[in-house]
Amino acid sequence: YSYTGNCREIVNSLRSQITADVLEIQPAEK
């Protein structure tokens, strides 16, 4: 889950280093 975008950058770095599927969690209230 990423609110400010920092966690999304971490995930992008992870994906460049390992093979993995990705699931993003989103709040129901946008």
mmCIF file of all heavy atoms, coordinates in Angstrom:
data_MODEL
# 
_entry.id   MODEL 
# 
loop_
_atom_site.group_PDB 
_atom_site.id 
_atom_site.type_symbol 
_atom_site.label_atom_id 
_atom_site.label_alt_id 
_atom_site.label_comp_id 
_atom_site.label_asym_id 
_atom_site.label_entity_id 
_atom_site.label_seq_id 
_atom_site.pdbx_PDB_ins_code 
_atom_site.Cartn_x 
_atom_site.Cartn_y 
_atom_site.Cartn_z 
_atom_site.occupancy 
_atom_site.B_iso_or_equiv 
_atom_site.pdbx_formal_charge 
_atom_site.auth_seq_id 
_atom_site.auth_comp_id 
_atom_site.auth_asym_id 
_atom_site.auth_atom_id 
_atom_site.pdbx_PDB_model_num 
ATOM 1   N N   . TYR A 1 1  ? 0.877   -1.173  0.000   1.00 0.00 ? 1  TYR A N   1 
ATOM 2   C CA  . TYR A 1 1  ? 0.000   0.000   0.000   1.00 0.00 ? 1  TYR A CA  1 
ATOM 3   C C   . TYR A 1 1  ? 0.909   1.216   0.000   1.00 0.00 ? 1  TYR A C   1 
ATOM 4   O O   . TYR A 1 1  ? 1.907   1.266   0.732   1.00 0.00 ? 1  TYR A O   1 
ATOM 5   C CB  . TYR A 1 1  ? -0.904  0.025   1.227   1.00 0.00 ? 1  TYR A CB  1 
ATOM 6   C CG  . TYR A 1 1  ? -1.550  1.366   1.466   1.00 0.00 ? 1  TYR A CG  1 
ATOM 7   C CD1 . TYR A 1 1  ? -2.466  1.885   0.546   1.00 0.00 ? 1  TYR A CD1 1 
ATOM 8   C CD2 . TYR A 1 1  ? -1.224  2.136   2.581   1.00 0.00 ? 1  TYR A CD2 1 
ATOM 9   C CE1 . TYR A 1 1  ? -3.049  3.135   0.749   1.00 0.00 ? 1  TYR A CE1 1 
ATOM 10  C CE2 . TYR A 1 1  ? -1.805  3.377   2.789   1.00 0.00 ? 1  TYR A CE2 1 
ATOM 11  C CZ  . TYR A 1 1  ? -2.710  3.876   1.877   1.00 0.00 ? 1  TYR A CZ  1 
ATOM 12  O OH  . TYR A 1 1  ? -3.283  5.116   2.063   1.00 0.00 ? 1  TYR A OH  1 
ATOM 13  N N   . SER A 1 2  ? 0.581   2.201   -0.832  1.00 0.00 ? 2  SER A N   1 
ATOM 14  C CA  . SER A 1 2  ? 1.408   3.403   -0.918  1.00 0.00 ? 2  SER A CA  1 
ATOM 15  C C   . SER A 1 2  ? 0.524   4.628   -0.903  1.00 0.00 ? 2  SER A C   1 
ATOM 16  O O   . SER A 1 2  ? -0.374  4.758   -1.743  1.00 0.00 ? 2  SER A O   1 
ATOM 17  C CB  . SER A 1 2  ? 2.264   3.376   -2.194  1.00 0.00 ? 2  SER A CB  1 
ATOM 18  O OG  . SER A 1 2  ? 3.182   4.450   -2.211  1.00 0.00 ? 2  SER A OG  1 
ATOM 19  N N   . TYR A 1 3  ? 0.758   5.507   0.059   1.00 0.00 ? 3  TYR A N   1 
ATOM 20  C CA  . TYR A 1 3  ? -0.019  6.749   0.150   1.00 0.00 ? 3  TYR A CA  1 
ATOM 21  C C   . TYR A 1 3  ? 0.716   7.911   -0.507  1.00 0.00 ? 3  TYR A C   1 
ATOM 22  O O   . TYR A 1 3  ? 0.149   8.660   -1.296  1.00 0.00 ? 3  TYR A O   1 
ATOM 23  C CB  . TYR A 1 3  ? -0.311  7.066   1.615   1.00 0.00 ? 3  TYR A CB  1 
ATOM 24  C CG  . TYR A 1 3  ? -1.101  8.342   1.820   1.00 0.00 ? 3  TYR A CG  1 
ATOM 25  C CD1 . TYR A 1 3  ? -2.353  8.518   1.235   1.00 0.00 ? 3  TYR A CD1 1 
ATOM 26  C CD2 . TYR A 1 3  ? -0.583  9.375   2.611   1.00 0.00 ? 3  TYR A CD2 1 
ATOM 27  C CE1 . TYR A 1 3  ? -3.079  9.689   1.422   1.00 0.00 ? 3  TYR A CE1 1 
ATOM 28  C CE2 . TYR A 1 3  ? -1.298  10.543  2.803   1.00 0.00 ? 3  TYR A CE2 1 
ATOM 29  C CZ  . TYR A 1 3  ? -2.542  10.703  2.210   1.00 0.00 ? 3  TYR A CZ  1 
ATOM 30  O OH  . TYR A 1 3  ? -3.259  11.871  2.394   1.00 0.00 ? 3  TYR A OH  1 
ATOM 31  N N   . THR A 1 4  ? 2.000   8.036   -0.206  1.00 0.00 ? 4  THR A N   1 
ATOM 32  C CA  . THR A 1 4  ? 2.777   9.151   -0.756  1.00 0.00 ? 4  THR A CA  1 
ATOM 33  C C   . THR A 1 4  ? 3.553   8.775   -2.008  1.00 0.00 ? 4  THR A C   1 
ATOM 34  O O   . THR A 1 4  ? 4.094   9.647   -2.674  1.00 0.00 ? 4  THR A O   1 
ATOM 35  C CB  . THR A 1 4  ? 3.782   9.665   0.302   1.00 0.00 ? 4  THR A CB  1 
ATOM 36  O OG1 . THR A 1 4  ? 4.725   8.623   0.581   1.00 0.00 ? 4  THR A OG1 1 
ATOM 37  C CG2 . THR A 1 4  ? 3.059   10.074  1.586   1.00 0.00 ? 4  THR A CG2 1 
ATOM 38  N N   . GLY A 1 5  ? 3.632   7.495   -2.314  1.00 0.00 ? 5  GLY A N   1 
ATOM 39  C CA  . GLY A 1 5  ? 4.400   7.032   -3.467  1.00 0.00 ? 5  GLY A CA  1 
ATOM 40  C C   . GLY A 1 5  ? 5.728   6.409   -3.095  1.00 0.00 ? 5  GLY A C   1 
ATOM 41  O O   . GLY A 1 5  ? 6.368   5.761   -3.940  1.00 0.00 ? 5  GLY A O   1 
ATOM 42  N N   . ASN A 1 6  ? 6.164   6.555   -1.838  1.00 0.00 ? 6  ASN A N   1 
ATOM 43  C CA  . ASN A 1 6  ? 7.452   5.990   -1.435  1.00 0.00 ? 6  ASN A CA  1 
ATOM 44  C C   . ASN A 1 6  ? 7.446   4.463   -1.502  1.00 0.00 ? 6  ASN A C   1 
ATOM 45  O O   . ASN A 1 6  ? 8.416   3.843   -1.956  1.00 0.00 ? 6  ASN A O   1 
ATOM 46  C CB  . ASN A 1 6  ? 7.802   6.448   -0.013  1.00 0.00 ? 6  ASN A CB  1 
ATOM 47  C CG  . ASN A 1 6  ? 8.227   7.905   0.037   1.00 0.00 ? 6  ASN A CG  1 
ATOM 48  O OD1 . ASN A 1 6  ? 8.750   8.438   -0.940  1.00 0.00 ? 6  ASN A OD1 1 
ATOM 49  N ND2 . ASN A 1 6  ? 8.008   8.557   1.163   1.00 0.00 ? 6  ASN A ND2 1 
ATOM 50  N N   . CYS A 1 7  ? 6.361   3.845   -1.049  1.00 0.00 ? 7  CYS A N   1 
ATOM 51  C CA  . CYS A 1 7  ? 6.298   2.383   -1.084  1.00 0.00 ? 7  CYS A CA  1 
ATOM 52  C C   . CYS A 1 7  ? 6.223   1.874   -2.521  1.00 0.00 ? 7  CYS A C   1 
ATOM 53  O O   . CYS A 1 7  ? 6.744   0.798   -2.830  1.00 0.00 ? 7  CYS A O   1 
ATOM 54  C CB  . CYS A 1 7  ? 5.098   1.884   -0.276  1.00 0.00 ? 7  CYS A CB  1 
ATOM 55  S SG  . CYS A 1 7  ? 5.356   1.974   1.515   1.00 0.00 ? 7  CYS A SG  1 
ATOM 56  N N   . ARG A 1 8  ? 5.595   2.646   -3.390  1.00 0.00 ? 8  ARG A N   1 
ATOM 57  C CA  . ARG A 1 8  ? 5.541   2.241   -4.802  1.00 0.00 ? 8  ARG A CA  1 
ATOM 58  C C   . ARG A 1 8  ? 6.950   2.227   -5.399  1.00 0.00 ? 8  ARG A C   1 
ATOM 59  O O   . ARG A 1 8  ? 7.288   1.332   -6.190  1.00 0.00 ? 8  ARG A O   1 
ATOM 60  C CB  . ARG A 1 8  ? 4.628   3.185   -5.580  1.00 0.00 ? 8  ARG A CB  1 
ATOM 61  C CG  . ARG A 1 8  ? 4.405   2.752   -7.035  1.00 0.00 ? 8  ARG A CG  1 
ATOM 62  C CD  . ARG A 1 8  ? 3.355   3.596   -7.720  1.00 0.00 ? 8  ARG A CD  1 
ATOM 63  N NE  . ARG A 1 8  ? 2.025   3.324   -7.170  1.00 0.00 ? 8  ARG A NE  1 
ATOM 64  C CZ  . ARG A 1 8  ? 1.352   4.162   -6.373  1.00 0.00 ? 8  ARG A CZ  1 
ATOM 65  N NH1 . ARG A 1 8  ? 1.890   5.331   -6.043  1.00 0.00 ? 8  ARG A NH1 1 
ATOM 66  N NH2 . ARG A 1 8  ? 0.165   3.834   -5.926  1.00 0.00 ? 8  ARG A NH2 1 
ATOM 67  N N   . GLU A 1 9  ? 7.786   3.194   -5.038  1.00 0.00 ? 9  GLU A N   1 
ATOM 68  C CA  . GLU A 1 9  ? 9.167   3.210   -5.516  1.00 0.00 ? 9  GLU A CA  1 
ATOM 69  C C   . GLU A 1 9  ? 9.947   2.005   -4.988  1.00 0.00 ? 9  GLU A C   1 
ATOM 70  O O   . GLU A 1 9  ? 10.764  1.421   -5.711  1.00 0.00 ? 9  GLU A O   1 
ATOM 71  C CB  . GLU A 1 9  ? 9.847   4.512   -5.088  1.00 0.00 ? 9  GLU A CB  1 
ATOM 72  C CG  . GLU A 1 9  ? 9.305   5.748   -5.794  1.00 0.00 ? 9  GLU A CG  1 
ATOM 73  C CD  . GLU A 1 9  ? 10.013  7.014   -5.349  1.00 0.00 ? 9  GLU A CD  1 
ATOM 74  O OE1 . GLU A 1 9  ? 10.977  6.896   -4.554  1.00 0.00 ? 9  GLU A OE1 1 
ATOM 75  O OE2 . GLU A 1 9  ? 9.612   8.110   -5.791  1.00 0.00 ? 9  GLU A OE2 1 
ATOM 76  N N   . ILE A 1 10 ? 9.681   1.628   -3.743  1.00 0.00 ? 10 ILE A N   1 
ATOM 77  C CA  . ILE A 1 10 ? 10.331  0.450   -3.172  1.00 0.00 ? 10 ILE A CA  1 
ATOM 78  C C   . ILE A 1 10 ? 9.943   -0.799  -3.962  1.00 0.00 ? 10 ILE A C   1 
ATOM 79  O O   . ILE A 1 10 ? 10.779  -1.636  -4.291  1.00 0.00 ? 10 ILE A O   1 
ATOM 80  C CB  . ILE A 1 10 ? 9.957   0.300   -1.683  1.00 0.00 ? 10 ILE A CB  1 
ATOM 81  C CG1 . ILE A 1 10 ? 10.588  1.427   -0.859  1.00 0.00 ? 10 ILE A CG1 1 
ATOM 82  C CG2 . ILE A 1 10 ? 10.387  -1.067  -1.147  1.00 0.00 ? 10 ILE A CG2 1 
ATOM 83  C CD1 . ILE A 1 10 ? 10.097  1.500   0.576   1.00 0.00 ? 10 ILE A CD1 1 
ATOM 84  N N   . VAL A 1 11 ? 8.668   -0.911  -4.289  1.00 0.00 ? 11 VAL A N   1 
ATOM 85  C CA  . VAL A 1 11 ? 8.177   -2.067  -5.041  1.00 0.00 ? 11 VAL A CA  1 
ATOM 86  C C   . VAL A 1 11 ? 8.789   -2.095  -6.436  1.00 0.00 ? 11 VAL A C   1 
ATOM 87  O O   . VAL A 1 11 ? 9.161   -3.151  -6.944  1.00 0.00 ? 11 VAL A O   1 
ATOM 88  C CB  . VAL A 1 11 ? 6.641   -2.059  -5.103  1.00 0.00 ? 11 VAL A CB  1 
ATOM 89  C CG1 . VAL A 1 11 ? 6.124   -3.136  -6.054  1.00 0.00 ? 11 VAL A CG1 1 
ATOM 90  C CG2 . VAL A 1 11 ? 6.068   -2.267  -3.713  1.00 0.00 ? 11 VAL A CG2 1 
ATOM 91  N N   . ASN A 1 12 ? 8.913   -0.943  -7.058  1.00 0.00 ? 12 ASN A N   1 
ATOM 92  C CA  . ASN A 1 12 ? 9.537   -0.891  -8.385  1.00 0.00 ? 12 ASN A CA  1 
ATOM 93  C C   . ASN A 1 12 ? 10.986  -1.384  -8.325  1.00 0.00 ? 12 ASN A C   1 
ATOM 94  O O   . ASN A 1 12 ? 11.457  -2.083  -9.231  1.00 0.00 ? 12 ASN A O   1 
ATOM 95  C CB  . ASN A 1 12 ? 9.479   0.532   -8.934  1.00 0.00 ? 12 ASN A CB  1 
ATOM 96  C CG  . ASN A 1 12 ? 8.074   0.933   -9.356  1.00 0.00 ? 12 ASN A CG  1 
ATOM 97  O OD1 . ASN A 1 12 ? 7.232   0.076   -9.626  1.00 0.00 ? 12 ASN A OD1 1 
ATOM 98  N ND2 . ASN A 1 12 ? 7.818   2.228   -9.405  1.00 0.00 ? 12 ASN A ND2 1 
ATOM 99  N N   . SER A 1 13 ? 11.680  -1.023  -7.254  1.00 0.00 ? 13 SER A N   1 
ATOM 100 C CA  . SER A 1 13 ? 13.049  -1.499  -7.091  1.00 0.00 ? 13 SER A CA  1 
ATOM 101 C C   . SER A 1 13 ? 13.078  -3.002  -6.857  1.00 0.00 ? 13 SER A C   1 
ATOM 102 O O   . SER A 1 13 ? 13.925  -3.719  -7.413  1.00 0.00 ? 13 SER A O   1 
ATOM 103 C CB  . SER A 1 13 ? 13.718  -0.777  -5.921  1.00 0.00 ? 13 SER A CB  1 
ATOM 104 O OG  . SER A 1 13 ? 15.062  -1.186  -5.774  1.00 0.00 ? 13 SER A OG  1 
ATOM 105 N N   . LEU A 1 14 ? 12.129  -3.516  -6.065  1.00 0.00 ? 14 LEU A N   1 
ATOM 106 C CA  . LEU A 1 14 ? 12.028  -4.952  -5.845  1.00 0.00 ? 14 LEU A CA  1 
ATOM 107 C C   . LEU A 1 14 ? 11.824  -5.688  -7.166  1.00 0.00 ? 14 LEU A C   1 
ATOM 108 O O   . LEU A 1 14 ? 12.470  -6.705  -7.437  1.00 0.00 ? 14 LEU A O   1 
ATOM 109 C CB  . LEU A 1 14 ? 10.861  -5.253  -4.913  1.00 0.00 ? 14 LEU A CB  1 
ATOM 110 C CG  . LEU A 1 14 ? 11.124  -5.332  -3.411  1.00 0.00 ? 14 LEU A CG  1 
ATOM 111 C CD1 . LEU A 1 14 ? 9.804   -5.423  -2.653  1.00 0.00 ? 14 LEU A CD1 1 
ATOM 112 C CD2 . LEU A 1 14 ? 12.015  -6.522  -3.078  1.00 0.00 ? 14 LEU A CD2 1 
ATOM 113 N N   . ARG A 1 15 ? 10.924  -5.181  -7.985  1.00 0.00 ? 15 ARG A N   1 
ATOM 114 C CA  . ARG A 1 15 ? 10.590  -5.846  -9.247  1.00 0.00 ? 15 ARG A CA  1 
ATOM 115 C C   . ARG A 1 15 ? 11.765  -5.859  -10.207 1.00 0.00 ? 15 ARG A C   1 
ATOM 116 O O   . ARG A 1 15 ? 11.838  -6.722  -11.094 1.00 0.00 ? 15 ARG A O   1 
ATOM 117 C CB  . ARG A 1 15 ? 9.390   -5.159  -9.902  1.00 0.00 ? 15 ARG A CB  1 
ATOM 118 C CG  . ARG A 1 15 ? 8.101   -5.300  -9.121  1.00 0.00 ? 15 ARG A CG  1 
ATOM 119 C CD  . ARG A 1 15 ? 6.937   -4.720  -9.850  1.00 0.00 ? 15 ARG A CD  1 
ATOM 120 N NE  . ARG A 1 15 ? 6.536   -5.544  -10.983 1.00 0.00 ? 15 ARG A NE  1 
ATOM 121 C CZ  . ARG A 1 15 ? 5.513   -5.262  -11.786 1.00 0.00 ? 15 ARG A CZ  1 
ATOM 122 N NH1 . ARG A 1 15 ? 4.795   -4.150  -11.575 1.00 0.00 ? 15 ARG A NH1 1 
ATOM 123 N NH2 . ARG A 1 15 ? 5.199   -6.049  -12.787 1.00 0.00 ? 15 ARG A NH2 1 
ATOM 124 N N   . SER A 1 16 ? 12.672  -4.905  -10.067 1.00 0.00 ? 16 SER A N   1 
ATOM 125 C CA  . SER A 1 16 ? 13.850  -4.898  -10.933 1.00 0.00 ? 16 SER A CA  1 
ATOM 126 C C   . SER A 1 16 ? 14.892  -5.909  -10.484 1.00 0.00 ? 16 SER A C   1 
ATOM 127 O O   . SER A 1 16 ? 15.830  -6.210  -11.224 1.00 0.00 ? 16 SER A O   1 
ATOM 128 C CB  . SER A 1 16 ? 14.474  -3.492  -10.958 1.00 0.00 ? 16 SER A CB  1 
ATOM 129 O OG  . SER A 1 16 ? 15.108  -3.197  -9.725  1.00 0.00 ? 16 SER A OG  1 
ATOM 130 N N   . GLN A 1 17 ? 14.711  -6.444  -9.269  1.00 0.00 ? 17 GLN A N   1 
ATOM 131 C CA  . GLN A 1 17 ? 15.723  -7.345  -8.727  1.00 0.00 ? 17 GLN A CA  1 
ATOM 132 C C   . GLN A 1 17 ? 15.262  -8.792  -8.599  1.00 0.00 ? 17 GLN A C   1 
ATOM 133 O O   . GLN A 1 17 ? 16.088  -9.706  -8.569  1.00 0.00 ? 17 GLN A O   1 
ATOM 134 C CB  . GLN A 1 17 ? 16.167  -6.837  -7.347  1.00 0.00 ? 17 GLN A CB  1 
ATOM 135 C CG  . GLN A 1 17 ? 16.760  -5.437  -7.387  1.00 0.00 ? 17 GLN A CG  1 
ATOM 136 C CD  . GLN A 1 17 ? 17.318  -5.014  -6.043  1.00 0.00 ? 17 GLN A CD  1 
ATOM 137 O OE1 . GLN A 1 17 ? 17.988  -5.786  -5.376  1.00 0.00 ? 17 GLN A OE1 1 
ATOM 138 N NE2 . GLN A 1 17 ? 17.050  -3.784  -5.642  1.00 0.00 ? 17 GLN A NE2 1 
ATOM 139 N N   . ILE A 1 18 ? 13.968  -9.022  -8.484  1.00 0.00 ? 18 ILE A N   1 
ATOM 140 C CA  . ILE A 1 18 ? 13.455  -10.388 -8.354  1.00 0.00 ? 18 ILE A CA  1 
ATOM 141 C C   . ILE A 1 18 ? 12.240  -10.565 -9.263  1.00 0.00 ? 18 ILE A C   1 
ATOM 142 O O   . ILE A 1 18 ? 11.627  -9.590  -9.708  1.00 0.00 ? 18 ILE A O   1 
ATOM 143 C CB  . ILE A 1 18 ? 13.047  -10.718 -6.898  1.00 0.00 ? 18 ILE A CB  1 
ATOM 144 C CG1 . ILE A 1 18 ? 11.912  -9.790  -6.422  1.00 0.00 ? 18 ILE A CG1 1 
ATOM 145 C CG2 . ILE A 1 18 ? 14.235  -10.666 -5.974  1.00 0.00 ? 18 ILE A CG2 1 
ATOM 146 C CD1 . ILE A 1 18 ? 11.342  -10.174 -5.072  1.00 0.00 ? 18 ILE A CD1 1 
ATOM 147 N N   . THR A 1 19 ? 11.891  -11.806 -9.513  1.00 0.00 ? 19 THR A N   1 
ATOM 148 C CA  . THR A 1 19 ? 10.679  -12.119 -10.250 1.00 0.00 ? 19 THR A CA  1 
ATOM 149 C C   . THR A 1 19 ? 9.542   -12.284 -9.255  1.00 0.00 ? 19 THR A C   1 
ATOM 150 O O   . THR A 1 19 ? 9.607   -13.157 -8.373  1.00 0.00 ? 19 THR A O   1 
ATOM 151 C CB  . THR A 1 19 ? 10.850  -13.415 -11.061 1.00 0.00 ? 19 THR A CB  1 
ATOM 152 O OG1 . THR A 1 19 ? 11.925  -13.235 -11.995 1.00 0.00 ? 19 THR A OG1 1 
ATOM 153 C CG2 . THR A 1 19 ? 9.574   -13.758 -11.814 1.00 0.00 ? 19 THR A CG2 1 
ATOM 154 N N   . ALA A 1 20 ? 8.527   -11.457 -9.359  1.00 0.00 ? 20 ALA A N   1 
ATOM 155 C CA  . ALA A 1 20 ? 7.425   -11.491 -8.403  1.00 0.00 ? 20 ALA A CA  1 
ATOM 156 C C   . ALA A 1 20 ? 6.173   -10.894 -9.014  1.00 0.00 ? 20 ALA A C   1 
ATOM 157 O O   . ALA A 1 20 ? 6.245   -9.993  -9.856  1.00 0.00 ? 20 ALA A O   1 
ATOM 158 C CB  . ALA A 1 20 ? 7.796   -10.732 -7.127  1.00 0.00 ? 20 ALA A CB  1 
ATOM 159 N N   . ASP A 1 21 ? 5.033   -11.396 -8.595  1.00 0.00 ? 21 ASP A N   1 
ATOM 160 C CA  . ASP A 1 21 ? 3.770   -10.747 -8.897  1.00 0.00 ? 21 ASP A CA  1 
ATOM 161 C C   . ASP A 1 21 ? 3.538   -9.652  -7.868  1.00 0.00 ? 21 ASP A C   1 
ATOM 162 O O   . ASP A 1 21 ? 4.086   -9.698  -6.755  1.00 0.00 ? 21 ASP A O   1 
ATOM 163 C CB  . ASP A 1 21 ? 2.610   -11.752 -8.853  1.00 0.00 ? 21 ASP A CB  1 
ATOM 164 C CG  . ASP A 1 21 ? 2.718   -12.793 -9.958  1.00 0.00 ? 21 ASP A CG  1 
ATOM 165 O OD1 . ASP A 1 21 ? 3.360   -12.493 -10.976 1.00 0.00 ? 21 ASP A OD1 1 
ATOM 166 O OD2 . ASP A 1 21 ? 2.154   -13.887 -9.798  1.00 0.00 ? 21 ASP A OD2 1 
ATOM 167 N N   . VAL A 1 22 ? 2.714   -8.667  -8.223  1.00 0.00 ? 22 VAL A N   1 
ATOM 168 C CA  . VAL A 1 22 ? 2.504   -7.512  -7.347  1.00 0.00 ? 22 VAL A CA  1 
ATOM 169 C C   . VAL A 1 22 ? 1.015   -7.285  -7.143  1.00 0.00 ? 22 VAL A C   1 
ATOM 170 O O   . VAL A 1 22 ? 0.228   -7.323  -8.086  1.00 0.00 ? 22 VAL A O   1 
ATOM 171 C CB  . VAL A 1 22 ? 3.160   -6.240  -7.932  1.00 0.00 ? 22 VAL A CB  1 
ATOM 172 C CG1 . VAL A 1 22 ? 2.807   -5.016  -7.089  1.00 0.00 ? 22 VAL A CG1 1 
ATOM 173 C CG2 . VAL A 1 22 ? 4.669   -6.406  -7.996  1.00 0.00 ? 22 VAL A CG2 1 
ATOM 174 N N   . LEU A 1 23 ? 0.641   -7.029  -5.900  1.00 0.00 ? 23 LEU A N   1 
ATOM 175 C CA  . LEU A 1 23 ? -0.736  -6.706  -5.533  1.00 0.00 ? 23 LEU A CA  1 
ATOM 176 C C   . LEU A 1 23 ? -0.732  -5.382  -4.781  1.00 0.00 ? 23 LEU A C   1 
ATOM 177 O O   . LEU A 1 23 ? -0.099  -5.261  -3.726  1.00 0.00 ? 23 LEU A O   1 
ATOM 178 C CB  . LEU A 1 23 ? -1.332  -7.810  -4.644  1.00 0.00 ? 23 LEU A CB  1 
ATOM 179 C CG  . LEU A 1 23 ? -2.676  -7.501  -3.972  1.00 0.00 ? 23 LEU A CG  1 
ATOM 180 C CD1 . LEU A 1 23 ? -3.766  -7.257  -5.003  1.00 0.00 ? 23 LEU A CD1 1 
ATOM 181 C CD2 . LEU A 1 23 ? -3.064  -8.621  -3.008  1.00 0.00 ? 23 LEU A CD2 1 
ATOM 182 N N   . GLU A 1 24 ? -1.425  -4.379  -5.324  1.00 0.00 ? 24 GLU A N   1 
ATOM 183 C CA  . GLU A 1 24 ? -1.545  -3.090  -4.646  1.00 0.00 ? 24 GLU A CA  1 
ATOM 184 C C   . GLU A 1 24 ? -2.864  -3.024  -3.901  1.00 0.00 ? 24 GLU A C   1 
ATOM 185 O O   . GLU A 1 24 ? -3.928  -3.293  -4.461  1.00 0.00 ? 24 GLU A O   1 
ATOM 186 C CB  . GLU A 1 24 ? -1.454  -1.923  -5.639  1.00 0.00 ? 24 GLU A CB  1 
ATOM 187 C CG  . GLU A 1 24 ? -1.560  -0.571  -4.937  1.00 0.00 ? 24 GLU A CG  1 
ATOM 188 C CD  . GLU A 1 24 ? -1.407  0.617   -5.880  1.00 0.00 ? 24 GLU A CD  1 
ATOM 189 O OE1 . GLU A 1 24 ? -1.404  0.383   -7.116  1.00 0.00 ? 24 GLU A OE1 1 
ATOM 190 O OE2 . GLU A 1 24 ? -1.304  1.758   -5.392  1.00 0.00 ? 24 GLU A OE2 1 
ATOM 191 N N   . ILE A 1 25 ? -2.816  -2.647  -2.636  1.00 0.00 ? 25 ILE A N   1 
ATOM 192 C CA  . ILE A 1 25 ? -4.008  -2.497  -1.804  1.00 0.00 ? 25 ILE A CA  1 
ATOM 193 C C   . ILE A 1 25 ? -4.481  -1.053  -1.889  1.00 0.00 ? 25 ILE A C   1 
ATOM 194 O O   . ILE A 1 25 ? -3.693  -0.122  -1.726  1.00 0.00 ? 25 ILE A O   1 
ATOM 195 C CB  . ILE A 1 25 ? -3.712  -2.877  -0.344  1.00 0.00 ? 25 ILE A CB  1 
ATOM 196 C CG1 . ILE A 1 25 ? -3.085  -4.269  -0.271  1.00 0.00 ? 25 ILE A CG1 1 
ATOM 197 C CG2 . ILE A 1 25 ? -4.979  -2.809  0.500   1.00 0.00 ? 25 ILE A CG2 1 
ATOM 198 C CD1 . ILE A 1 25 ? -3.906  -5.356  -0.919  1.00 0.00 ? 25 ILE A CD1 1 
ATOM 199 N N   . GLN A 1 26 ? -5.779  -0.880  -2.129  1.00 0.00 ? 26 GLN A N   1 
ATOM 200 C CA  . GLN A 1 26 ? -6.344  0.453   -2.277  1.00 0.00 ? 26 GLN A CA  1 
ATOM 201 C C   . GLN A 1 26 ? -7.494  0.650   -1.293  1.00 0.00 ? 26 GLN A C   1 
ATOM 202 O O   . GLN A 1 26 ? -8.306  -0.261  -1.087  1.00 0.00 ? 26 GLN A O   1 
ATOM 203 C CB  . GLN A 1 26 ? -6.897  0.646   -3.702  1.00 0.00 ? 26 GLN A CB  1 
ATOM 204 C CG  . GLN A 1 26 ? -5.845  0.662   -4.781  1.00 0.00 ? 26 GLN A CG  1 
ATOM 205 C CD  . GLN A 1 26 ? -5.229  2.041   -4.955  1.00 0.00 ? 26 GLN A CD  1 
ATOM 206 O OE1 . GLN A 1 26 ? -5.469  2.943   -4.169  1.00 0.00 ? 26 GLN A OE1 1 
ATOM 207 N NE2 . GLN A 1 26 ? -4.442  2.203   -6.002  1.00 0.00 ? 26 GLN A NE2 1 
ATOM 208 N N   . PRO A 1 27 ? -7.597  1.833   -0.656  1.00 0.00 ? 27 PRO A N   1 
ATOM 209 C CA  . PRO A 1 27 ? -8.741  2.089   0.231   1.00 0.00 ? 27 PRO A CA  1 
ATOM 210 C C   . PRO A 1 27 ? -10.024 2.212   -0.578  1.00 0.00 ? 27 PRO A C   1 
ATOM 211 O O   . PRO A 1 27 ? -10.007 2.657   -1.729  1.00 0.00 ? 27 PRO A O   1 
ATOM 212 C CB  . PRO A 1 27 ? -8.369  3.415   0.900   1.00 0.00 ? 27 PRO A CB  1 
ATOM 213 C CG  . PRO A 1 27 ? -7.458  4.091   -0.084  1.00 0.00 ? 27 PRO A CG  1 
ATOM 214 C CD  . PRO A 1 27 ? -6.687  2.981   -0.749  1.00 0.00 ? 27 PRO A CD  1 
ATOM 215 N N   . ALA A 1 28 ? -11.134 1.828   0.014   1.00 0.00 ? 28 ALA A N   1 
ATOM 216 C CA  . ALA A 1 28 ? -12.425 1.946   -0.675  1.00 0.00 ? 28 ALA A CA  1 
ATOM 217 C C   . ALA A 1 28 ? -12.798 3.412   -0.864  1.00 0.00 ? 28 ALA A C   1 
ATOM 218 O O   . ALA A 1 28 ? -13.376 3.788   -1.886  1.00 0.00 ? 28 ALA A O   1 
ATOM 219 C CB  . ALA A 1 28 ? -13.508 1.211   0.104   1.00 0.00 ? 28 ALA A CB  1 
ATOM 220 N N   . GLU A 1 29 ? -12.476 4.238   0.119   1.00 0.00 ? 29 GLU A N   1 
ATOM 221 C CA  . GLU A 1 29 ? -12.752 5.681   0.024   1.00 0.00 ? 29 GLU A CA  1 
ATOM 222 C C   . GLU A 1 29 ? -11.529 6.360   -0.588  1.00 0.00 ? 29 GLU A C   1 
ATOM 223 O O   . GLU A 1 29 ? -10.468 6.422   0.028   1.00 0.00 ? 29 GLU A O   1 
ATOM 224 C CB  . GLU A 1 29 ? -13.042 6.276   1.405   1.00 0.00 ? 29 GLU A CB  1 
ATOM 225 C CG  . GLU A 1 29 ? -14.476 6.138   1.849   1.00 0.00 ? 29 GLU A CG  1 
ATOM 226 C CD  . GLU A 1 29 ? -14.770 7.025   3.043   1.00 0.00 ? 29 GLU A CD  1 
ATOM 227 O OE1 . GLU A 1 29 ? -15.157 8.195   2.843   1.00 0.00 ? 29 GLU A OE1 1 
ATOM 228 O OE2 . GLU A 1 29 ? -14.615 6.542   4.172   1.00 0.00 ? 29 GLU A OE2 1 
ATOM 229 N N   . LYS A 1 30 ? -11.708 6.870   -1.781  1.00 0.00 ? 30 LYS A N   1 
ATOM 230 C CA  . LYS A 1 30 ? -10.603 7.514   -2.480  1.00 0.00 ? 30 LYS A CA  1 
ATOM 231 C C   . LYS A 1 30 ? -10.503 8.991   -2.091  1.00 0.00 ? 30 LYS A C   1 
ATOM 232 O O   . LYS A 1 30 ? -11.480 9.629   -1.690  1.00 0.00 ? 30 LYS A O   1 
ATOM 233 C CB  . LYS A 1 30 ? -10.799 7.385   -3.992  1.00 0.00 ? 30 LYS A CB  1 
ATOM 234 C CG  . LYS A 1 30 ? -10.973 5.938   -4.476  1.00 0.00 ? 30 LYS A CG  1 
ATOM 235 C CD  . LYS A 1 30 ? -9.740  5.092   -4.183  1.00 0.00 ? 30 LYS A CD  1 
ATOM 236 C CE  . LYS A 1 30 ? -9.818  3.727   -4.872  1.00 0.00 ? 30 LYS A CE  1 
ATOM 237 N NZ  . LYS A 1 30 ? -10.844 2.857   -4.298  1.00 0.00 ? 30 LYS A NZ  1 
# 
